[in-house]
């Protein structure tokens, strides 16, 4: 295998990785943001709505509750 063919394969691999990352990003942007019927809508927590979230969370102490945090890092 020559250095030239290894370089081409490396570039093709990088291009394929970039296309895959772009496709994943575009899929993320187009993903439906609606919740199923009967489920509360998704919210972004902030200092302005934290108290209402805490109240709703604590009011549901007779049910299973899940808090999921997703971070890009």
PDB file of N, CA and C in Angstrom:
ATOM      1  N   UNK A   1       0.853  -1.162   0.000  1.00  0.00           N
ATOM      2  CA  UNK A   1       0.000   0.000   0.000  1.00  0.00           C
ATOM      3  C   UNK A   1       0.905   1.234   0.000  1.00  0.00           C
ATOM      4  N   UNK A   2       0.580   2.145  -0.876  1.00  0.00           N
ATOM      5  CA  UNK A   2       1.399   3.347  -0.978  1.00  0.00           C
ATOM      6  C   UNK A   2       0.898   4.413  -0.023  1.00  0.00           C
ATOM      7  N   UNK A   3       1.722   5.396   0.183  1.00  0.00           N
ATOM      8  CA  UNK A   3       1.369   6.512   1.052  1.00  0.00           C
ATOM      9  C   UNK A   3       0.179   7.261   0.468  1.00  0.00           C
ATOM     10  N   UNK A   4       0.136   7.358  -0.867  1.00  0.00           N
ATOM     11  CA  UNK A   4      -0.947   8.066  -1.536  1.00  0.00           C
ATOM     12  C   UNK A   4      -2.294   7.381  -1.284  1.00  0.00           C
ATOM     13  N   UNK A   5      -2.373   6.075  -1.400  1.00  0.00           N
ATOM     14  CA  UNK A   5      -3.645   5.367  -1.192  1.00  0.00           C
ATOM     15  C   UNK A   5      -4.069   5.412   0.277  1.00  0.00           C
ATOM     16  N   UNK A   6      -3.107   5.409   1.189  1.00  0.00           N
ATOM     17  CA  UNK A   6      -3.440   5.528   2.608  1.00  0.00           C
ATOM     18  C   UNK A   6      -4.003   6.916   2.900  1.00  0.00           C
ATOM     19  N   UNK A   7      -3.436   7.924   2.250  1.00  0.00           N
ATOM     20  CA  UNK A   7      -3.925   9.288   2.435  1.00  0.00           C
ATOM     21  C   UNK A   7      -5.338   9.440   1.887  1.00  0.00           C
ATOM     22  N   UNK A   8      -5.606   8.849   0.743  1.00  0.00           N
ATOM     23  CA  UNK A   8      -6.948   8.914   0.165  1.00  0.00           C
ATOM     24  C   UNK A   8      -7.951   8.208   1.067  1.00  0.00           C
ATOM     25  N   UNK A   9      -7.593   7.062   1.597  1.00  0.00           N
ATOM     26  CA  UNK A   9      -8.505   6.346   2.495  1.00  0.00           C
ATOM     27  C   UNK A   9      -8.758   7.142   3.760  1.00  0.00           C
ATOM     28  N   UNK A  10      -7.748   7.818   4.257  1.00  0.00           N
ATOM     29  CA  UNK A  10      -7.914   8.653   5.443  1.00  0.00           C
ATOM     30  C   UNK A  10      -8.885   9.798   5.153  1.00  0.00           C
ATOM     31  N   UNK A  11      -8.739  10.442   3.989  1.00  0.00           N
ATOM     32  CA  UNK A  11      -9.640  11.532   3.607  1.00  0.00           C
ATOM     33  C   UNK A  11     -11.066  11.026   3.411  1.00  0.00           C
ATOM     34  N   UNK A  12     -11.210   9.864   2.803  1.00  0.00           N
ATOM     35  CA  UNK A  12     -12.548   9.293   2.621  1.00  0.00           C
ATOM     36  C   UNK A  12     -13.189   8.971   3.969  1.00  0.00           C
ATOM     37  N   UNK A  13     -12.407   8.445   4.882  1.00  0.00           N
ATOM     38  CA  UNK A  13     -12.921   8.144   6.216  1.00  0.00           C
ATOM     39  C   UNK A  13     -13.346   9.407   6.950  1.00  0.00           C
ATOM     40  N   UNK A  14     -12.539  10.454   6.829  1.00  0.00           N
ATOM     41  CA  UNK A  14     -12.883  11.724   7.472  1.00  0.00           C
ATOM     42  C   UNK A  14     -14.137  12.323   6.842  1.00  0.00           C
ATOM     43  N   UNK A  15     -14.242  12.234   5.511  1.00  0.00           N
ATOM     44  CA  UNK A  15     -15.425  12.764   4.829  1.00  0.00           C
ATOM     45  C   UNK A  15     -16.669  11.977   5.236  1.00  0.00           C
ATOM     46  N   UNK A  16     -16.562  10.680   5.345  1.00  0.00           N
ATOM     47  CA  UNK A  16     -17.692   9.851   5.768  1.00  0.00           C
ATOM     48  C   UNK A  16     -18.096  10.184   7.199  1.00  0.00           C
ATOM     49  N   UNK A  17     -17.134  10.409   8.056  1.00  0.00           N
ATOM     50  CA  UNK A  17     -17.425  10.796   9.437  1.00  0.00           C
ATOM     51  C   UNK A  17     -18.146  12.140   9.483  1.00  0.00           C
ATOM     52  N   UNK A  18     -17.703  13.092   8.687  1.00  0.00           N
ATOM     53  CA  UNK A  18     -18.343  14.411   8.649  1.00  0.00           C
ATOM     54  C   UNK A  18     -19.770  14.310   8.116  1.00  0.00           C
ATOM     55  N   UNK A  19     -19.982  13.523   7.079  1.00  0.00           N
ATOM     56  CA  UNK A  19     -21.333  13.349   6.528  1.00  0.00           C
ATOM     57  C   UNK A  19     -22.232  12.697   7.573  1.00  0.00           C
ATOM     58  N   UNK A  20     -21.719  11.719   8.282  1.00  0.00           N
ATOM     59  CA  UNK A  20     -22.499  11.076   9.341  1.00  0.00           C
ATOM     60  C   UNK A  20     -22.838  12.039  10.464  1.00  0.00           C
ATOM     61  N   UNK A  21     -21.882  12.873  10.865  1.00  0.00           N
ATOM     62  CA  UNK A  21     -22.139  13.850  11.921  1.00  0.00           C
ATOM     63  C   UNK A  21     -23.176  14.872  11.467  1.00  0.00           C
ATOM     64  N   UNK A  22     -23.083  15.306  10.225  1.00  0.00           N
ATOM     65  CA  UNK A  22     -24.054  16.260   9.688  1.00  0.00           C
ATOM     66  C   UNK A  22     -25.444  15.636   9.629  1.00  0.00           C
ATOM     67  N   UNK A  23     -25.531  14.389   9.197  1.00  0.00           N
ATOM     68  CA  UNK A  23     -26.822  13.703   9.141  1.00  0.00           C
ATOM     69  C   UNK A  23     -27.422  13.557  10.540  1.00  0.00           C
ATOM     70  N   UNK A  24     -26.607  13.236  11.524  1.00  0.00           N
ATOM     71  CA  UNK A  24     -27.101  13.112  12.900  1.00  0.00           C
ATOM     72  C   UNK A  24     -27.594  14.452  13.418  1.00  0.00           C
ATOM     73  N   UNK A  25     -26.868  15.521  13.121  1.00  0.00           N
ATOM     74  CA  UNK A  25     -27.274  16.853  13.562  1.00  0.00           C
ATOM     75  C   UNK A  25     -28.591  17.273  12.912  1.00  0.00           C
ATOM     76  N   UNK A  26     -28.717  17.059  11.622  1.00  0.00           N
ATOM     77  CA  UNK A  26     -29.957  17.416  10.930  1.00  0.00           C
ATOM     78  C   UNK A  26     -31.126  16.562  11.426  1.00  0.00           C
ATOM     79  N   UNK A  27     -30.877  15.308  11.713  1.00  0.00           N
ATOM     80  CA  UNK A  27     -31.920  14.458  12.282  1.00  0.00           C
ATOM     81  C   UNK A  27     -32.347  14.947  13.651  1.00  0.00           C
ATOM     82  N   UNK A  28     -31.406  15.413  14.436  1.00  0.00           N
ATOM     83  CA  UNK A  28     -31.706  15.972  15.756  1.00  0.00           C
ATOM     84  C   UNK A  28     -32.601  17.198  15.629  1.00  0.00           C
ATOM     85  N   UNK A  29     -32.296  18.061  14.659  1.00  0.00           N
ATOM     86  CA  UNK A  29     -33.088  19.275  14.471  1.00  0.00           C
ATOM     87  C   UNK A  29     -34.506  18.967  14.003  1.00  0.00           C
ATOM     88  N   UNK A  30     -34.672  17.901  13.254  1.00  0.00           N
ATOM     89  CA  UNK A  30     -35.988  17.569  12.722  1.00  0.00           C
ATOM     90  C   UNK A  30     -36.770  16.620  13.627  1.00  0.00           C
ATOM     91  N   UNK A  31     -36.162  16.125  14.692  1.00  0.00           N
ATOM     92  CA  UNK A  31     -36.814  15.177  15.594  1.00  0.00           C
ATOM     93  C   UNK A  31     -38.059  15.825  16.195  1.00  0.00           C
ATOM     94  N   UNK A  32     -39.164  15.087  16.252  1.00  0.00           N
ATOM     95  CA  UNK A  32     -40.384  15.691  16.823  1.00  0.00           C
ATOM     96  C   UNK A  32     -40.197  16.035  18.298  1.00  0.00           C
ATOM     97  N   UNK A  33     -40.686  17.195  18.680  1.00  0.00           N
ATOM     98  CA  UNK A  33     -40.534  17.647  20.060  1.00  0.00           C
ATOM     99  C   UNK A  33     -41.836  17.549  20.829  1.00  0.00           C
ATOM    100  N   UNK A  34     -42.811  16.856  20.282  1.00  0.00           N
ATOM    101  CA  UNK A  34     -44.083  16.706  20.970  1.00  0.00           C
ATOM    102  C   UNK A  34     -44.025  15.484  21.873  1.00  0.00           C
ATOM    103  N   UNK A  35     -44.695  15.586  22.988  1.00  0.00           N
ATOM    104  CA  UNK A  35     -44.743  14.470  23.928  1.00  0.00           C
ATOM    105  C   UNK A  35     -46.004  13.649  23.671  1.00  0.00           C
ATOM    106  N   UNK A  36     -46.028  12.404  24.118  1.00  0.00           N
ATOM    107  CA  UNK A  36     -47.220  11.573  23.939  1.00  0.00           C
ATOM    108  C   UNK A  36     -48.418  12.152  24.685  1.00  0.00           C
ATOM    109  N   UNK A  37     -49.601  11.757  24.258  1.00  0.00           N
ATOM    110  CA  UNK A  37     -50.832  12.209  24.907  1.00  0.00           C
ATOM    111  C   UNK A  37     -50.801  11.818  26.382  1.00  0.00           C
ATOM    112  N   UNK A  38     -51.200  12.726  27.239  1.00  0.00           N
ATOM    113  CA  UNK A  38     -51.219  12.473  28.672  1.00  0.00           C
ATOM    114  C   UNK A  38     -49.934  12.819  29.390  1.00  0.00           C
ATOM    115  N   UNK A  39     -48.884  13.123  28.651  1.00  0.00           N
ATOM    116  CA  UNK A  39     -47.595  13.480  29.260  1.00  0.00           C
ATOM    117  C   UNK A  39     -47.426  14.990  29.202  1.00  0.00           C
ATOM    118  N   UNK A  40     -46.874  15.545  30.245  1.00  0.00           N
ATOM    119  CA  UNK A  40     -46.616  16.982  30.266  1.00  0.00           C
ATOM    120  C   UNK A  40     -45.614  17.341  29.179  1.00  0.00           C
ATOM    121  N   UNK A  41     -45.698  18.553  28.643  1.00  0.00           N
ATOM    122  CA  UNK A  41     -44.736  18.956  27.613  1.00  0.00           C
ATOM    123  C   UNK A  41     -43.330  19.082  28.187  1.00  0.00           C
ATOM    124  N   UNK A  42     -42.349  18.926  27.323  1.00  0.00           N
ATOM    125  CA  UNK A  42     -40.957  19.086  27.735  1.00  0.00           C
ATOM    126  C   UNK A  42     -40.686  20.551  28.045  1.00  0.00           C
ATOM    127  N   UNK A  43     -39.845  20.797  29.024  1.00  0.00           N
ATOM    128  CA  UNK A  43     -39.502  22.172  29.393  1.00  0.00           C
ATOM    129  C   UNK A  43     -37.996  22.276  29.570  1.00  0.00           C
ATOM    130  N   UNK A  44     -37.494  23.483  29.395  1.00  0.00           N
ATOM    131  CA  UNK A  44     -36.109  23.779  29.712  1.00  0.00           C
ATOM    132  C   UNK A  44     -36.091  24.412  31.092  1.00  0.00           C
ATOM    133  N   UNK A  45     -35.351  23.822  31.995  1.00  0.00           N
ATOM    134  CA  UNK A  45     -35.284  24.368  33.341  1.00  0.00           C
ATOM    135  C   UNK A  45     -34.448  25.627  33.359  1.00  0.00           C
ATOM    136  N   UNK A  46     -34.934  26.617  34.081  1.00  0.00           N
ATOM    137  CA  UNK A  46     -34.203  27.858  34.265  1.00  0.00           C
ATOM    138  C   UNK A  46     -34.498  28.371  35.669  1.00  0.00           C
ATOM    139  N   UNK A  47     -33.832  29.416  36.054  1.00  0.00           N
ATOM    140  CA  UNK A  47     -34.070  29.968  37.389  1.00  0.00           C
ATOM    141  C   UNK A  47     -35.485  30.526  37.508  1.00  0.00           C
ATOM    142  N   UNK A  48     -36.106  30.908  36.382  1.00  0.00           N
ATOM    143  CA  UNK A  48     -37.453  31.455  36.414  1.00  0.00           C
ATOM    144  C   UNK A  48     -38.529  30.388  36.648  1.00  0.00           C
ATOM    145  N   UNK A  49     -38.319  29.159  36.170  1.00  0.00           N
ATOM    146  CA  UNK A  49     -39.355  28.135  36.308  1.00  0.00           C
ATOM    147  C   UNK A  49     -38.974  27.001  37.258  1.00  0.00           C
ATOM    148  N   UNK A  50     -37.886  27.140  37.969  1.00  0.00           N
ATOM    149  CA  UNK A  50     -37.431  26.072  38.855  1.00  0.00           C
ATOM    150  C   UNK A  50     -38.402  25.829  40.010  1.00  0.00           C
ATOM    151  N   UNK A  51     -38.954  26.876  40.576  1.00  0.00           N
ATOM    152  CA  UNK A  51     -39.863  26.716  41.707  1.00  0.00           C
ATOM    153  C   UNK A  51     -41.152  25.997  41.299  1.00  0.00           C
ATOM    154  N   UNK A  52     -41.696  26.314  40.137  1.00  0.00           N
ATOM    155  CA  UNK A  52     -42.909  25.612  39.683  1.00  0.00           C
ATOM    156  C   UNK A  52     -42.592  24.155  39.366  1.00  0.00           C
ATOM    157  N   UNK A  53     -41.401  23.889  38.845  1.00  0.00           N
ATOM    158  CA  UNK A  53     -40.989  22.500  38.602  1.00  0.00           C
ATOM    159  C   UNK A  53     -40.865  21.744  39.919  1.00  0.00           C
ATOM    160  N   UNK A  54     -40.235  22.352  40.895  1.00  0.00           N
ATOM    161  CA  UNK A  54     -40.069  21.710  42.201  1.00  0.00           C
ATOM    162  C   UNK A  54     -41.429  21.391  42.824  1.00  0.00           C
ATOM    163  N   UNK A  55     -42.371  22.326  42.727  1.00  0.00           N
ATOM    164  CA  UNK A  55     -43.709  22.109  43.277  1.00  0.00           C
ATOM    165  C   UNK A  55     -44.410  20.944  42.569  1.00  0.00           C
ATOM    166  N   UNK A  56     -44.368  20.920  41.237  1.00  0.00           N
ATOM    167  CA  UNK A  56     -45.006  19.834  40.484  1.00  0.00           C
ATOM    168  C   UNK A  56     -44.331  18.495  40.776  1.00  0.00           C
ATOM    169  N   UNK A  57     -43.021  18.494  40.895  1.00  0.00           N
ATOM    170  CA  UNK A  57     -42.288  17.266  41.178  1.00  0.00           C
ATOM    171  C   UNK A  57     -42.656  16.721  42.549  1.00  0.00           C
ATOM    172  N   UNK A  58     -42.664  17.578  43.559  1.00  0.00           N
ATOM    173  CA  UNK A  58     -42.979  17.135  44.917  1.00  0.00           C
ATOM    174  C   UNK A  58     -44.447  16.758  45.076  1.00  0.00           C
ATOM    175  N   UNK A  59     -45.333  17.346  44.282  1.00  0.00           N
ATOM    176  CA  UNK A  59     -46.755  17.006  44.360  1.00  0.00           C
ATOM    177  C   UNK A  59     -47.033  15.604  43.838  1.00  0.00           C
ATOM    178  N   UNK A  60     -46.150  15.046  43.051  1.00  0.00           N
ATOM    179  CA  UNK A  60     -46.354  13.715  42.465  1.00  0.00           C
ATOM    180  C   UNK A  60     -45.594  12.658  43.248  1.00  0.00           C
ATOM    181  N   UNK A  61     -45.553  12.767  44.571  1.00  0.00           N
ATOM    182  CA  UNK A  61     -44.754  11.819  45.355  1.00  0.00           C
ATOM    183  C   UNK A  61     -45.363  10.421  45.422  1.00  0.00           C
ATOM    184  N   UNK A  62     -46.589  10.245  44.924  1.00  0.00           N
ATOM    185  CA  UNK A  62     -47.203   8.912  44.915  1.00  0.00           C
ATOM    186  C   UNK A  62     -46.940   8.175  43.599  1.00  0.00           C
ATOM    187  N   UNK A  63     -46.195   8.783  42.677  1.00  0.00           N
ATOM    188  CA  UNK A  63     -45.897   8.171  41.379  1.00  0.00           C
ATOM    189  C   UNK A  63     -44.388   8.124  41.162  1.00  0.00           C
ATOM    190  N   UNK A  64     -43.992   7.282  40.217  1.00  0.00           N
ATOM    191  CA  UNK A  64     -42.584   7.214  39.836  1.00  0.00           C
ATOM    192  C   UNK A  64     -42.235   8.470  39.059  1.00  0.00           C
ATOM    193  N   UNK A  65     -41.124   9.104  39.422  1.00  0.00           N
ATOM    194  CA  UNK A  65     -40.682  10.328  38.765  1.00  0.00           C
ATOM    195  C   UNK A  65     -39.269  10.137  38.252  1.00  0.00           C
ATOM    196  N   UNK A  66     -39.011  10.685  37.089  1.00  0.00           N
ATOM    197  CA  UNK A  66     -37.686  10.584  36.479  1.00  0.00           C
ATOM    198  C   UNK A  66     -37.271  11.967  36.008  1.00  0.00           C
ATOM    199  N   UNK A  67     -36.076  12.347  36.355  1.00  0.00           N
ATOM    200  CA  UNK A  67     -35.479  13.584  35.831  1.00  0.00           C
ATOM    201  C   UNK A  67     -34.288  13.158  34.989  1.00  0.00           C
ATOM    202  N   UNK A  68     -34.283  13.551  33.728  1.00  0.00           N
ATOM    203  CA  UNK A  68     -33.190  13.202  32.838  1.00  0.00           C
ATOM    204  C   UNK A  68     -32.530  14.475  32.338  1.00  0.00           C
ATOM    205  N   UNK A  69     -31.234  14.574  32.506  1.00  0.00           N
ATOM    206  CA  UNK A  69     -30.469  15.708  32.012  1.00  0.00           C
ATOM    207  C   UNK A  69     -29.612  15.245  30.855  1.00  0.00           C
ATOM    208  N   UNK A  70     -29.708  15.933  29.749  1.00  0.00           N
ATOM    209  CA  UNK A  70     -28.902  15.608  28.586  1.00  0.00           C
ATOM    210  C   UNK A  70     -27.978  16.783  28.308  1.00  0.00           C
ATOM    211  N   UNK A  71     -26.709  16.473  28.165  1.00  0.00           N
ATOM    212  CA  UNK A  71     -25.718  17.514  27.969  1.00  0.00           C
ATOM    213  C   UNK A  71     -24.848  17.152  26.771  1.00  0.00           C
ATOM    214  N   UNK A  72     -24.490  18.125  25.956  1.00  0.00           N
ATOM    215  CA  UNK A  72     -23.642  17.820  24.799  1.00  0.00           C
ATOM    216  C   UNK A  72     -22.189  17.571  25.161  1.00  0.00           C
ATOM    217  N   UNK A  73     -21.822  17.719  26.419  1.00  0.00           N
ATOM    218  CA  UNK A  73     -20.427  17.519  26.808  1.00  0.00           C
ATOM    219  C   UNK A  73     -20.232  16.200  27.510  1.00  0.00           C
TER     220      UNK A  73
END
